[in-house]
Amino acid sequence: GGGAQVFATPASEGELEALLQKAKLHNLPVTILGNASNILVR
């Protein structure tokens, strides 16, 4: 897989919220992954 422009691993719902709020403010697409064990990234 190629690169993620921004890659984050929040450790709490609070950290998750902070990430999502910034993405929304700047109109950035958001992709959610788990352990990515059934994922192929182009």
All heavy atoms as atom14 arrays in JSON, in Angstrom:
{
  "sequence": "GGGAQVFATPASEGELEALLQKAKLHNLPVTILGNASNILVR",
  "atom14_mask": [
    [1, 1, 1, 1, 0, 0, 0, 0, 0, 0, 0, 0, 0, 0],
    [1, 1, 1, 1, 0, 0, 0, 0, 0, 0, 0, 0, 0, 0],
    [1, 1, 1, 1, 0, 0, 0, 0, 0, 0, 0, 0, 0, 0],
    [1, 1, 1, 1, 1, 0, 0, 0, 0, 0, 0, 0, 0, 0],
    [1, 1, 1, 1, 1, 1, 1, 1, 1, 0, 0, 0, 0, 0],
    [1, 1, 1, 1, 1, 1, 1, 0, 0, 0, 0, 0, 0, 0],
    [1, 1, 1, 1, 1, 1, 1, 1, 1, 1, 1, 0, 0, 0],
    [1, 1, 1, 1, 1, 0, 0, 0, 0, 0, 0, 0, 0, 0],
    [1, 1, 1, 1, 1, 1, 1, 0, 0, 0, 0, 0, 0, 0],
    [1, 1, 1, 1, 1, 1, 1, 0, 0, 0, 0, 0, 0, 0],
    [1, 1, 1, 1, 1, 0, 0, 0, 0, 0, 0, 0, 0, 0],
    [1, 1, 1, 1, 1, 1, 0, 0, 0, 0, 0, 0, 0, 0],
    [1, 1, 1, 1, 1, 1, 1, 1, 1, 0, 0, 0, 0, 0],
    [1, 1, 1, 1, 0, 0, 0, 0, 0, 0, 0, 0, 0, 0],
    [1, 1, 1, 1, 1, 1, 1, 1, 1, 0, 0, 0, 0, 0],
    [1, 1, 1, 1, 1, 1, 1, 1, 0, 0, 0, 0, 0, 0],
    [1, 1, 1, 1, 1, 1, 1, 1, 1, 0, 0, 0, 0, 0],
    [1, 1, 1, 1, 1, 0, 0, 0, 0, 0, 0, 0, 0, 0],
    [1, 1, 1, 1, 1, 1, 1, 1, 0, 0, 0, 0, 0, 0],
    [1, 1, 1, 1, 1, 1, 1, 1, 0, 0, 0, 0, 0, 0],
    [1, 1, 1, 1, 1, 1, 1, 1, 1, 0, 0, 0, 0, 0],
    [1, 1, 1, 1, 1, 1, 1, 1, 1, 0, 0, 0, 0, 0],
    [1, 1, 1, 1, 1, 0, 0, 0, 0, 0, 0, 0, 0, 0],
    [1, 1, 1, 1, 1, 1, 1, 1, 1, 0, 0, 0, 0, 0],
    [1, 1, 1, 1, 1, 1, 1, 1, 0, 0, 0, 0, 0, 0],
    [1, 1, 1, 1, 1, 1, 1, 1, 1, 1, 0, 0, 0, 0],
    [1, 1, 1, 1, 1, 1, 1, 1, 0, 0, 0, 0, 0, 0],
    [1, 1, 1, 1, 1, 1, 1, 1, 0, 0, 0, 0, 0, 0],
    [1, 1, 1, 1, 1, 1, 1, 0, 0, 0, 0, 0, 0, 0],
    [1, 1, 1, 1, 1, 1, 1, 0, 0, 0, 0, 0, 0, 0],
    [1, 1, 1, 1, 1, 1, 1, 0, 0, 0, 0, 0, 0, 0],
    [1, 1, 1, 1, 1, 1, 1, 1, 0, 0, 0, 0, 0, 0],
    [1, 1, 1, 1, 1, 1, 1, 1, 0, 0, 0, 0, 0, 0],
    [1, 1, 1, 1, 0, 0, 0, 0, 0, 0, 0, 0, 0, 0],
    [1, 1, 1, 1, 1, 1, 1, 1, 0, 0, 0, 0, 0, 0],
    [1, 1, 1, 1, 1, 0, 0, 0, 0, 0, 0, 0, 0, 0],
    [1, 1, 1, 1, 1, 1, 0, 0, 0, 0, 0, 0, 0, 0],
    [1, 1, 1, 1, 1, 1, 1, 1, 0, 0, 0, 0, 0, 0],
    [1, 1, 1, 1, 1, 1, 1, 1, 0, 0, 0, 0, 0, 0],
    [1, 1, 1, 1, 1, 1, 1, 1, 0, 0, 0, 0, 0, 0],
    [1, 1, 1, 1, 1, 1, 1, 0, 0, 0, 0, 0, 0, 0],
    [1, 1, 1, 1, 1, 1, 1, 1, 1, 1, 1, 0, 0, 0]
  ],
  "atom14_positions": [
    [[0.8, -1.23, 0.0], [0.0, 0.0, 0.0], [0.82, 1.26, 0.0], [1.86, 1.37, 0.66], [0.0, 0.0, 0.0], [0.0, 0.0, 0.0], [0.0, 0.0, 0.0], [0.0, 0.0, 0.0], [0.0, 0.0, 0.0], [0.0, 0.0, 0.0], [0.0, 0.0, 0.0], [0.0, 0.0, 0.0], [0.0, 0.0, 0.0], [0.0, 0.0, 0.0]],
    [[0.35, 2.26, -0.74], [0.97, 3.57, -0.75], [0.72, 4.32, 0.55], [0.19, 3.77, 1.51], [0.0, 0.0, 0.0], [0.0, 0.0, 0.0], [0.0, 0.0, 0.0], [0.0, 0.0, 0.0], [0.0, 0.0, 0.0], [0.0, 0.0, 0.0], [0.0, 0.0, 0.0], [0.0, 0.0, 0.0], [0.0, 0.0, 0.0], [0.0, 0.0, 0.0]],
    [[1.1, 5.58, 0.59], [1.06, 6.33, 1.83], [-0.29, 6.92, 2.17], [-1.12, 7.22, 1.31], [0.0, 0.0, 0.0], [0.0, 0.0, 0.0], [0.0, 0.0, 0.0], [0.0, 0.0, 0.0], [0.0, 0.0, 0.0], [0.0, 0.0, 0.0], [0.0, 0.0, 0.0], [0.0, 0.0, 0.0], [0.0, 0.0, 0.0], [0.0, 0.0, 0.0]],
    [[-0.52, 7.1, 3.47], [-1.64, 7.88, 3.97], [-1.13, 9.29, 4.23], [-0.1, 9.46, 4.88], [-2.19, 7.28, 5.26], [0.0, 0.0, 0.0], [0.0, 0.0, 0.0], [0.0, 0.0, 0.0], [0.0, 0.0, 0.0], [0.0, 0.0, 0.0], [0.0, 0.0, 0.0], [0.0, 0.0, 0.0], [0.0, 0.0, 0.0], [0.0, 0.0, 0.0]],
    [[-1.83, 10.29, 3.74], [-1.38, 11.67, 3.97], [-1.29, 11.96, 5.46], [-0.34, 12.57, 5.93], [-2.33, 12.65, 3.26], [-2.22, 12.6, 1.75], [-3.2, 13.53, 1.05], [-4.35, 13.64, 1.43], [-2.72, 14.22, 0.02], [0.0, 0.0, 0.0], [0.0, 0.0, 0.0], [0.0, 0.0, 0.0], [0.0, 0.0, 0.0], [0.0, 0.0, 0.0]],
    [[-2.29, 11.49, 6.21], [-2.27, 11.59, 7.67], [-2.74, 10.26, 8.23], [-3.79, 9.75, 7.82], [-3.19, 12.71, 8.19], [-3.05, 12.86, 9.7], [-2.9, 14.03, 7.5], [0.0, 0.0, 0.0], [0.0, 0.0, 0.0], [0.0, 0.0, 0.0], [0.0, 0.0, 0.0], [0.0, 0.0, 0.0], [0.0, 0.0, 0.0], [0.0, 0.0, 0.0]],
    [[-1.97, 9.68, 9.15], [-2.32, 8.39, 9.73], [-2.33, 8.54, 11.25], [-1.36, 9.02, 11.84], [-1.31, 7.32, 9.33], [-1.61, 5.96, 9.9], [-2.53, 5.13, 9.28], [-0.98, 5.51, 11.06], [-2.82, 3.88, 9.81], [-1.26, 4.26, 11.58], [-2.18, 3.44, 10.95], [0.0, 0.0, 0.0], [0.0, 0.0, 0.0], [0.0, 0.0, 0.0]],
    [[-3.43, 8.16, 11.89], [-3.56, 8.38, 13.32], [-4.13, 7.15, 14.02], [-4.94, 6.41, 13.46], [-4.48, 9.57, 13.59], [0.0, 0.0, 0.0], [0.0, 0.0, 0.0], [0.0, 0.0, 0.0], [0.0, 0.0, 0.0], [0.0, 0.0, 0.0], [0.0, 0.0, 0.0], [0.0, 0.0, 0.0], [0.0, 0.0, 0.0], [0.0, 0.0, 0.0]],
    [[-3.69, 6.95, 15.27], [-4.16, 5.83, 16.08], [-4.63, 6.35, 17.44], [-3.9, 6.26, 18.44], [-3.05, 4.78, 16.28], [-1.88, 5.45, 16.8], [-2.69, 4.1, 14.97], [0.0, 0.0, 0.0], [0.0, 0.0, 0.0], [0.0, 0.0, 0.0], [0.0, 0.0, 0.0], [0.0, 0.0, 0.0], [0.0, 0.0, 0.0], [0.0, 0.0, 0.0]],
    [[-5.81, 6.94, 17.5], [-6.31, 7.49, 18.77], [-6.45, 6.41, 19.83], [-6.83, 5.28, 19.54], [-7.66, 8.09, 18.38], [-8.08, 7.29, 17.18], [-6.82, 7.02, 16.43], [0.0, 0.0, 0.0], [0.0, 0.0, 0.0], [0.0, 0.0, 0.0], [0.0, 0.0, 0.0], [0.0, 0.0, 0.0], [0.0, 0.0, 0.0], [0.0, 0.0, 0.0]],
    [[-6.16, 6.8, 21.08], [-6.23, 5.86, 22.2], [-7.47, 6.06, 23.05], [-7.63, 5.38, 24.07], [-4.98, 5.97, 23.05], [0.0, 0.0, 0.0], [0.0, 0.0, 0.0], [0.0, 0.0, 0.0], [0.0, 0.0, 0.0], [0.0, 0.0, 0.0], [0.0, 0.0, 0.0], [0.0, 0.0, 0.0], [0.0, 0.0, 0.0], [0.0, 0.0, 0.0]],
    [[-8.33, 6.98, 22.66], [-9.56, 7.24, 23.42], [-10.58, 7.88, 22.5], [-10.24, 8.36, 21.41], [-9.28, 8.19, 24.59], [-8.94, 9.48, 24.11], [0.0, 0.0, 0.0], [0.0, 0.0, 0.0], [0.0, 0.0, 0.0], [0.0, 0.0, 0.0], [0.0, 0.0, 0.0], [0.0, 0.0, 0.0], [0.0, 0.0, 0.0], [0.0, 0.0, 0.0]],
    [[-11.83, 7.89, 22.92], [-12.87, 8.56, 22.14], [-12.61, 10.06, 22.07], [-12.94, 10.7, 21.07], [-14.25, 8.27, 22.73], [-14.69, 6.82, 22.53], [-16.08, 6.53, 23.07], [-16.65, 7.42, 23.75], [-16.6, 5.42, 22.82], [0.0, 0.0, 0.0], [0.0, 0.0, 0.0], [0.0, 0.0, 0.0], [0.0, 0.0, 0.0], [0.0, 0.0, 0.0]],
    [[-11.99, 10.62, 23.1], [-11.64, 12.03, 23.07], [-10.64, 12.35, 21.98], [-10.78, 13.35, 21.25], [0.0, 0.0, 0.0], [0.0, 0.0, 0.0], [0.0, 0.0, 0.0], [0.0, 0.0, 0.0], [0.0, 0.0, 0.0], [0.0, 0.0, 0.0], [0.0, 0.0, 0.0], [0.0, 0.0, 0.0], [0.0, 0.0, 0.0], [0.0, 0.0, 0.0]],
    [[-9.61, 11.51, 21.86], [-8.62, 11.7, 20.8], [-9.24, 11.49, 19.43], [-8.91, 12.2, 18.46], [-7.44, 10.75, 21.0], [-6.59, 11.08, 22.22], [-5.39, 10.16, 22.38], [-5.14, 9.35, 21.47], [-4.71, 10.27, 23.41], [0.0, 0.0, 0.0], [0.0, 0.0, 0.0], [0.0, 0.0, 0.0], [0.0, 0.0, 0.0], [0.0, 0.0, 0.0]],
    [[-10.16, 10.54, 19.33], [-10.87, 10.3, 18.08], [-11.66, 11.54, 17.69], [-11.62, 11.98, 16.52], [-11.82, 9.11, 18.24], [-12.77, 8.8, 17.07], [-11.99, 8.43, 15.82], [-13.74, 7.68, 17.45], [0.0, 0.0, 0.0], [0.0, 0.0, 0.0], [0.0, 0.0, 0.0], [0.0, 0.0, 0.0], [0.0, 0.0, 0.0], [0.0, 0.0, 0.0]],
    [[-12.35, 12.14, 18.65], [-13.13, 13.35, 18.38], [-12.26, 14.5, 17.88], [-12.63, 15.22, 16.95], [-13.89, 13.78, 19.63], [-15.12, 12.96, 19.92], [-16.08, 12.91, 18.74], [-16.46, 13.97, 18.22], [-16.44, 11.8, 18.34], [0.0, 0.0, 0.0], [0.0, 0.0, 0.0], [0.0, 0.0, 0.0], [0.0, 0.0, 0.0], [0.0, 0.0, 0.0]],
    [[-11.11, 14.68, 18.5], [-10.22, 15.77, 18.11], [-9.78, 15.62, 16.66], [-9.73, 16.6, 15.9], [-9.01, 15.82, 19.04], [0.0, 0.0, 0.0], [0.0, 0.0, 0.0], [0.0, 0.0, 0.0], [0.0, 0.0, 0.0], [0.0, 0.0, 0.0], [0.0, 0.0, 0.0], [0.0, 0.0, 0.0], [0.0, 0.0, 0.0], [0.0, 0.0, 0.0]],
    [[-9.48, 14.39, 16.26], [-9.08, 14.12, 14.88], [-10.21, 14.41, 13.9], [-10.02, 15.07, 12.87], [-8.64, 12.66, 14.74], [-7.32, 12.28, 15.39], [-7.24, 10.76, 15.58], [-6.14, 12.75, 14.52], [0.0, 0.0, 0.0], [0.0, 0.0, 0.0], [0.0, 0.0, 0.0], [0.0, 0.0, 0.0], [0.0, 0.0, 0.0], [0.0, 0.0, 0.0]],
    [[-11.39, 13.92, 14.24], [-12.53, 14.09, 13.35], [-12.95, 15.55, 13.22], [-13.35, 15.99, 12.14], [-13.7, 13.24, 13.85], [-13.5, 11.72, 13.78], [-14.62, 10.99, 14.5], [-13.4, 11.24, 12.34], [0.0, 0.0, 0.0], [0.0, 0.0, 0.0], [0.0, 0.0, 0.0], [0.0, 0.0, 0.0], [0.0, 0.0, 0.0], [0.0, 0.0, 0.0]],
    [[-12.85, 16.3, 14.29], [-13.21, 17.71, 14.24], [-12.27, 18.5, 13.34], [-12.71, 19.35, 12.56], [-13.22, 18.29, 15.66], [-14.4, 17.82, 16.5], [-14.29, 18.24, 17.95], [-13.5, 19.11, 18.3], [-15.09, 17.61, 18.81], [0.0, 0.0, 0.0], [0.0, 0.0, 0.0], [0.0, 0.0, 0.0], [0.0, 0.0, 0.0], [0.0, 0.0, 0.0]],
    [[-10.98, 18.19, 13.42], [-10.02, 18.87, 12.55], [-10.24, 18.49, 11.08], [-10.13, 19.33, 10.18], [-8.59, 18.54, 12.99], [-8.16, 19.26, 14.27], [-6.74, 18.89, 14.65], [-6.31, 19.61, 15.92], [-6.05, 21.05, 15.71], [0.0, 0.0, 0.0], [0.0, 0.0, 0.0], [0.0, 0.0, 0.0], [0.0, 0.0, 0.0], [0.0, 0.0, 0.0]],
    [[-10.52, 17.21, 10.84], [-10.78, 16.77, 9.46], [-12.02, 17.46, 8.9], [-12.02, 17.89, 7.73], [-10.94, 15.26, 9.43], [0.0, 0.0, 0.0], [0.0, 0.0, 0.0], [0.0, 0.0, 0.0], [0.0, 0.0, 0.0], [0.0, 0.0, 0.0], [0.0, 0.0, 0.0], [0.0, 0.0, 0.0], [0.0, 0.0, 0.0], [0.0, 0.0, 0.0]],
    [[-13.05, 17.58, 9.73], [-14.28, 18.25, 9.28], [-14.04, 19.72, 9.0], [-14.51, 20.27, 7.99], [-15.37, 18.07, 10.33], [-16.71, 18.65, 9.93], [-17.77, 18.38, 10.98], [-19.13, 18.94, 10.55], [-20.18, 18.66, 11.57], [0.0, 0.0, 0.0], [0.0, 0.0, 0.0], [0.0, 0.0, 0.0], [0.0, 0.0, 0.0], [0.0, 0.0, 0.0]],
    [[-13.28, 20.37, 9.87], [-12.99, 21.79, 9.72], [-12.28, 22.08, 8.4], [-12.53, 23.1, 7.75], [-12.14, 22.27, 10.89], [-11.74, 23.75, 10.89], [-12.97, 24.64, 10.99], [-10.78, 24.04, 12.04], [0.0, 0.0, 0.0], [0.0, 0.0, 0.0], [0.0, 0.0, 0.0], [0.0, 0.0, 0.0], [0.0, 0.0, 0.0], [0.0, 0.0, 0.0]],
    [[-11.41, 21.15, 7.99], [-10.62, 21.36, 6.77], [-11.13, 20.55, 5.58], [-10.44, 20.43, 4.57], [-9.15, 21.03, 7.05], [-8.52, 21.96, 8.06], [-8.01, 23.19, 7.71], [-8.36, 21.84, 9.4], [-7.53, 23.78, 8.79], [-7.74, 23.0, 9.83], [0.0, 0.0, 0.0], [0.0, 0.0, 0.0], [0.0, 0.0, 0.0], [0.0, 0.0, 0.0]],
    [[-12.34, 19.97, 5.75], [-13.0, 19.26, 4.66], [-12.14, 18.13, 4.09], [-12.02, 17.96, 2.87], [-13.38, 20.23, 3.54], [-14.45, 19.66, 2.61], [-15.29, 18.86, 3.04], [-14.4, 20.03, 1.35], [0.0, 0.0, 0.0], [0.0, 0.0, 0.0], [0.0, 0.0, 0.0], [0.0, 0.0, 0.0], [0.0, 0.0, 0.0], [0.0, 0.0, 0.0]],
    [[-11.55, 17.34, 4.98], [-10.69, 16.24, 4.57], [-11.46, 14.91, 4.59], [-12.25, 14.67, 5.5], [-9.49, 16.12, 5.52], [-8.52, 17.28, 5.53], [-7.45, 17.05, 6.6], [-7.86, 17.45, 4.18], [0.0, 0.0, 0.0], [0.0, 0.0, 0.0], [0.0, 0.0, 0.0], [0.0, 0.0, 0.0], [0.0, 0.0, 0.0], [0.0, 0.0, 0.0]],
    [[-11.23, 14.07, 3.61], [-11.84, 12.74, 3.66], [-11.25, 11.93, 4.8], [-10.07, 12.09, 5.16], [-11.47, 12.13, 2.3], [-10.23, 12.85, 1.88], [-10.37, 14.25, 2.42], [0.0, 0.0, 0.0], [0.0, 0.0, 0.0], [0.0, 0.0, 0.0], [0.0, 0.0, 0.0], [0.0, 0.0, 0.0], [0.0, 0.0, 0.0], [0.0, 0.0, 0.0]],
    [[-12.08, 11.07, 5.4], [-11.65, 10.24, 6.53], [-11.89, 8.77, 6.2], [-12.98, 8.39, 5.77], [-12.41, 10.6, 7.83], [-11.99, 9.69, 8.97], [-12.18, 12.07, 8.19], [0.0, 0.0, 0.0], [0.0, 0.0, 0.0], [0.0, 0.0, 0.0], [0.0, 0.0, 0.0], [0.0, 0.0, 0.0], [0.0, 0.0, 0.0], [0.0, 0.0, 0.0]],
    [[-10.87, 7.95, 6.42], [-10.97, 6.5, 6.23], [-10.73, 5.83, 7.58], [-9.75, 6.13, 8.25], [-9.94, 5.99, 5.22], [-10.15, 6.65, 3.97], [-10.06, 4.5, 5.01], [0.0, 0.0, 0.0], [0.0, 0.0, 0.0], [0.0, 0.0, 0.0], [0.0, 0.0, 0.0], [0.0, 0.0, 0.0], [0.0, 0.0, 0.0], [0.0, 0.0, 0.0]],
    [[-11.61, 4.92, 7.96], [-11.5, 4.22, 9.24], [-11.06, 2.78, 9.0], [-11.63, 2.07, 8.17], [-12.84, 4.22, 10.0], [-13.36, 5.65, 10.17], [-12.68, 3.53, 11.35], [-12.49, 6.54, 11.01], [0.0, 0.0, 0.0], [0.0, 0.0, 0.0], [0.0, 0.0, 0.0], [0.0, 0.0, 0.0], [0.0, 0.0, 0.0], [0.0, 0.0, 0.0]],
    [[-10.04, 2.36, 9.75], [-9.54, 0.99, 9.65], [-9.51, 0.34, 11.03], [-9.39, 1.03, 12.05], [-8.12, 0.97, 9.08], [-7.9, 1.53, 7.68], [-6.43, 1.48, 7.34], [-8.71, 0.74, 6.66], [0.0, 0.0, 0.0], [0.0, 0.0, 0.0], [0.0, 0.0, 0.0], [0.0, 0.0, 0.0], [0.0, 0.0, 0.0], [0.0, 0.0, 0.0]],
    [[-9.58, -0.99, 11.03], [-9.29, -1.75, 12.23], [-7.84, -2.2, 12.16], [-6.93, -1.39, 12.01], [0.0, 0.0, 0.0], [0.0, 0.0, 0.0], [0.0, 0.0, 0.0], [0.0, 0.0, 0.0], [0.0, 0.0, 0.0], [0.0, 0.0, 0.0], [0.0, 0.0, 0.0], [0.0, 0.0, 0.0], [0.0, 0.0, 0.0], [0.0, 0.0, 0.0]],
    [[-7.63, -3.51, 12.19], [-6.27, -4.04, 12.07], [-5.84, -4.19, 10.62], [-4.72, -4.62, 10.34], [-6.16, -5.4, 12.78], [-4.74, -5.82, 13.02], [-3.93, -5.03, 13.51], [-4.41, -7.06, 12.69], [0.0, 0.0, 0.0], [0.0, 0.0, 0.0], [0.0, 0.0, 0.0], [0.0, 0.0, 0.0], [0.0, 0.0, 0.0], [0.0, 0.0, 0.0]],
    [[-6.72, -3.83, 9.69], [-6.42, -3.88, 8.24], [-5.97, -5.26, 7.79], [-5.06, -5.4, 6.97], [-5.37, -2.82, 7.88], [0.0, 0.0, 0.0], [0.0, 0.0, 0.0], [0.0, 0.0, 0.0], [0.0, 0.0, 0.0], [0.0, 0.0, 0.0], [0.0, 0.0, 0.0], [0.0, 0.0, 0.0], [0.0, 0.0, 0.0], [0.0, 0.0, 0.0]],
    [[-6.65, -6.29, 8.3], [-6.28, -7.66, 7.95], [-7.03, -8.18, 6.74], [-6.72, -9.27, 6.25], [-6.52, -8.58, 9.15], [-7.88, -8.54, 9.55], [0.0, 0.0, 0.0], [0.0, 0.0, 0.0], [0.0, 0.0, 0.0], [0.0, 0.0, 0.0], [0.0, 0.0, 0.0], [0.0, 0.0, 0.0], [0.0, 0.0, 0.0], [0.0, 0.0, 0.0]],
    [[-8.01, -7.44, 6.25], [-8.7, -7.84, 5.02], [-8.73, -6.67, 4.03], [-9.65, -6.52, 3.26], [-10.13, -8.31, 5.32], [-11.04, -7.15, 5.73], [-10.59, -6.22, 6.38], [-12.3, -7.21, 5.32], [0.0, 0.0, 0.0], [0.0, 0.0, 0.0], [0.0, 0.0, 0.0], [0.0, 0.0, 0.0], [0.0, 0.0, 0.0], [0.0, 0.0, 0.0]],
    [[-7.66, -5.86, 4.09], [-7.59, -4.63, 3.31], [-6.46, -4.69, 2.29], [-5.35, -5.13, 2.6], [-7.34, -3.41, 4.23], [-8.49, -3.26, 5.24], [-7.15, -2.13, 3.43], [-9.81, -2.87, 4.64], [0.0, 0.0, 0.0], [0.0, 0.0, 0.0], [0.0, 0.0, 0.0], [0.0, 0.0, 0.0], [0.0, 0.0, 0.0], [0.0, 0.0, 0.0]],
    [[-6.74, -4.21, 1.09], [-5.7, -3.97, 0.1], [-5.71, -2.48, -0.22], [-6.71, -1.95, -0.69], [-5.97, -4.77, -1.19], [-4.99, -4.49, -2.35], [-3.58, -4.94, -2.0], [-5.48, -5.17, -3.64], [0.0, 0.0, 0.0], [0.0, 0.0, 0.0], [0.0, 0.0, 0.0], [0.0, 0.0, 0.0], [0.0, 0.0, 0.0], [0.0, 0.0, 0.0]],
    [[-4.61, -1.81, 0.08], [-4.49, -0.39, -0.21], [-3.78, -0.22, -1.54], [-2.7, -0.77, -1.76], [-3.71, 0.35, 0.9], [-3.52, 1.81, 0.54], [-4.45, 0.23, 2.23], [0.0, 0.0, 0.0], [0.0, 0.0, 0.0], [0.0, 0.0, 0.0], [0.0, 0.0, 0.0], [0.0, 0.0, 0.0], [0.0, 0.0, 0.0], [0.0, 0.0, 0.0]],
    [[-4.37, 0.55, -2.43], [-3.79, 0.77, -3.75], [-2.44, 1.48, -3.65], [-2.12, 2.11, -2.64], [-4.75, 1.58, -4.63], [-6.05, 0.84, -4.97], [-6.94, 1.7, -5.87], [-8.23, 1.1, -6.12], [-8.49, 0.25, -7.11], [-7.52, -0.1, -7.96], [-9.7, -0.24, -7.28], [0.0, 0.0, 0.0], [0.0, 0.0, 0.0], [0.0, 0.0, 0.0]]
  ]
}
